[in-house]
């Protein structure tokens, strides 16, 4: 994900609070650009199943989306969905 953001001209400070790369990125940093969790569910409404509309509810983005490593489909801990997570 970091490379995707960098390619769009975003520096580390766009996601890392106070440019502190030792602390994890929090959901509020993601939602500053990506809108509310409900808006993300709307954006992915045609994905089956919709990863942003699930029985866990409003999750932390980094549960699935990883900035500097391969992202995961956390739902696959219990299910087997063929989803691609950026």
C-alpha atoms as a PDB file:
ATOM      1  CA  UNK A   1       0.000   0.000   0.000  1.00  0.00           C
ATOM      2  CA  UNK A   2       2.821   2.423   0.747  1.00  0.00           C
ATOM      3  CA  UNK A   3       4.033   2.241  -2.842  1.00  0.00           C
ATOM      4  CA  UNK A   4       0.512   2.914  -4.166  1.00  0.00           C
ATOM      5  CA  UNK A   5       0.223   5.996  -1.982  1.00  0.00           C
ATOM      6  CA  UNK A   6       3.729   7.188  -2.904  1.00  0.00           C
ATOM      7  CA  UNK A   7       2.905   6.795  -6.598  1.00  0.00           C
ATOM      8  CA  UNK A   8       0.048   9.228  -6.026  1.00  0.00           C
ATOM      9  CA  UNK A   9       2.437  11.768  -4.530  1.00  0.00           C
ATOM     10  CA  UNK A  10       1.635  11.119  -0.890  1.00  0.00           C
ATOM     11  CA  UNK A  11       4.501  11.189   1.583  1.00  0.00           C
ATOM     12  CA  UNK A  12       4.821   9.110   4.741  1.00  0.00           C
ATOM     13  CA  UNK A  13       3.285  11.902   6.816  1.00  0.00           C
ATOM     14  CA  UNK A  14      -0.023  11.478   4.940  1.00  0.00           C
ATOM     15  CA  UNK A  15      -0.614   8.225   6.822  1.00  0.00           C
ATOM     16  CA  UNK A  16       1.836   8.256   9.732  1.00  0.00           C
ATOM     17  CA  UNK A  17       0.816  10.750  12.431  1.00  0.00           C
ATOM     18  CA  UNK A  18       3.525  13.369  13.017  1.00  0.00           C
ATOM     19  CA  UNK A  19       5.585  11.442  10.422  1.00  0.00           C
ATOM     20  CA  UNK A  20       6.363   8.898  13.170  1.00  0.00           C
ATOM     21  CA  UNK A  21       6.917   5.670  11.241  1.00  0.00           C
ATOM     22  CA  UNK A  22       7.381   3.669  14.443  1.00  0.00           C
ATOM     23  CA  UNK A  23       3.691   3.974  15.344  1.00  0.00           C
ATOM     24  CA  UNK A  24       0.941   2.124  13.484  1.00  0.00           C
ATOM     25  CA  UNK A  25      -1.372   3.926  11.092  1.00  0.00           C
ATOM     26  CA  UNK A  26      -4.804   4.408  12.597  1.00  0.00           C
ATOM     27  CA  UNK A  27      -8.148   4.236  10.833  1.00  0.00           C
ATOM     28  CA  UNK A  28      -8.799   7.975  11.184  1.00  0.00           C
ATOM     29  CA  UNK A  29      -5.750   8.622   8.979  1.00  0.00           C
ATOM     30  CA  UNK A  30      -7.197   6.352   6.283  1.00  0.00           C
ATOM     31  CA  UNK A  31     -10.657   7.866   6.525  1.00  0.00           C
ATOM     32  CA  UNK A  32      -9.313  11.413   6.055  1.00  0.00           C
ATOM     33  CA  UNK A  33      -8.871  10.545   2.382  1.00  0.00           C
ATOM     34  CA  UNK A  34     -11.126   7.536   1.870  1.00  0.00           C
ATOM     35  CA  UNK A  35     -14.221   8.848   3.646  1.00  0.00           C
ATOM     36  CA  UNK A  36     -16.285   7.080   6.275  1.00  0.00           C
ATOM     37  CA  UNK A  37     -16.368   3.325   6.751  1.00  0.00           C
ATOM     38  CA  UNK A  38     -19.921   3.450   5.378  1.00  0.00           C
ATOM     39  CA  UNK A  39     -18.609   5.239   2.271  1.00  0.00           C
ATOM     40  CA  UNK A  40     -16.040   2.472   1.805  1.00  0.00           C
ATOM     41  CA  UNK A  41     -18.819  -0.124   2.092  1.00  0.00           C
ATOM     42  CA  UNK A  42     -20.696   1.764  -0.641  1.00  0.00           C
ATOM     43  CA  UNK A  43     -17.571   1.834  -2.858  1.00  0.00           C
ATOM     44  CA  UNK A  44     -17.188  -1.927  -2.526  1.00  0.00           C
ATOM     45  CA  UNK A  45     -20.892  -2.820  -2.620  1.00  0.00           C
ATOM     46  CA  UNK A  46     -20.496  -4.906  -5.798  1.00  0.00           C
ATOM     47  CA  UNK A  47     -17.748  -7.046  -4.270  1.00  0.00           C
ATOM     48  CA  UNK A  48     -19.178 -10.343  -3.047  1.00  0.00           C
ATOM     49  CA  UNK A  49     -18.939 -10.572  -0.147  1.00  0.00           C
ATOM     50  CA  UNK A  50     -18.506  -6.886   0.598  1.00  0.00           C
ATOM     51  CA  UNK A  51     -15.417  -6.712   2.825  1.00  0.00           C
ATOM     52  CA  UNK A  52     -16.473  -3.353   4.284  1.00  0.00           C
ATOM     53  CA  UNK A  53     -19.967  -4.566   5.215  1.00  0.00           C
ATOM     54  CA  UNK A  54     -19.442  -7.559   7.469  1.00  0.00           C
ATOM     55  CA  UNK A  55     -20.464  -9.065  10.780  1.00  0.00           C
ATOM     56  CA  UNK A  56     -17.466  -7.469  12.520  1.00  0.00           C
ATOM     57  CA  UNK A  57     -18.695  -3.984  11.667  1.00  0.00           C
ATOM     58  CA  UNK A  58     -16.413  -0.964  11.596  1.00  0.00           C
ATOM     59  CA  UNK A  59     -12.928  -2.524  11.679  1.00  0.00           C
ATOM     60  CA  UNK A  60      -9.481  -0.980  11.791  1.00  0.00           C
ATOM     61  CA  UNK A  61      -8.260  -0.683   8.179  1.00  0.00           C
ATOM     62  CA  UNK A  62      -4.895  -2.237   8.991  1.00  0.00           C
ATOM     63  CA  UNK A  63      -6.617  -5.472   9.956  1.00  0.00           C
ATOM     64  CA  UNK A  64      -6.481  -6.255   6.220  1.00  0.00           C
ATOM     65  CA  UNK A  65      -4.565  -3.446   4.526  1.00  0.00           C
ATOM     66  CA  UNK A  66      -0.841  -3.523   5.290  1.00  0.00           C
ATOM     67  CA  UNK A  67       1.322  -0.541   4.419  1.00  0.00           C
ATOM     68  CA  UNK A  68       4.701  -2.176   4.061  1.00  0.00           C
ATOM     69  CA  UNK A  69       3.888  -5.851   3.623  1.00  0.00           C
ATOM     70  CA  UNK A  70       1.404  -8.038   1.764  1.00  0.00           C
ATOM     71  CA  UNK A  71      -2.202  -7.212   2.646  1.00  0.00           C
ATOM     72  CA  UNK A  72      -4.488  -9.985   3.855  1.00  0.00           C
ATOM     73  CA  UNK A  73      -8.132 -10.999   3.789  1.00  0.00           C
ATOM     74  CA  UNK A  74      -8.701 -11.338   7.526  1.00  0.00           C
ATOM     75  CA  UNK A  75     -12.104 -12.945   6.865  1.00  0.00           C
ATOM     76  CA  UNK A  76     -10.237 -15.977   5.535  1.00  0.00           C
ATOM     77  CA  UNK A  77      -9.230 -16.914   9.060  1.00  0.00           C
ATOM     78  CA  UNK A  78     -12.700 -18.488   9.235  1.00  0.00           C
ATOM     79  CA  UNK A  79     -14.004 -18.332   5.661  1.00  0.00           C
ATOM     80  CA  UNK A  80     -12.469 -18.964   2.239  1.00  0.00           C
ATOM     81  CA  UNK A  81     -13.297 -15.973   0.073  1.00  0.00           C
ATOM     82  CA  UNK A  82     -11.583 -15.253  -3.212  1.00  0.00           C
ATOM     83  CA  UNK A  83     -11.005 -11.569  -2.494  1.00  0.00           C
ATOM     84  CA  UNK A  84      -8.044  -9.471  -3.540  1.00  0.00           C
ATOM     85  CA  UNK A  85      -6.936  -6.930  -0.943  1.00  0.00           C
ATOM     86  CA  UNK A  86      -4.840  -3.969  -2.112  1.00  0.00           C
END
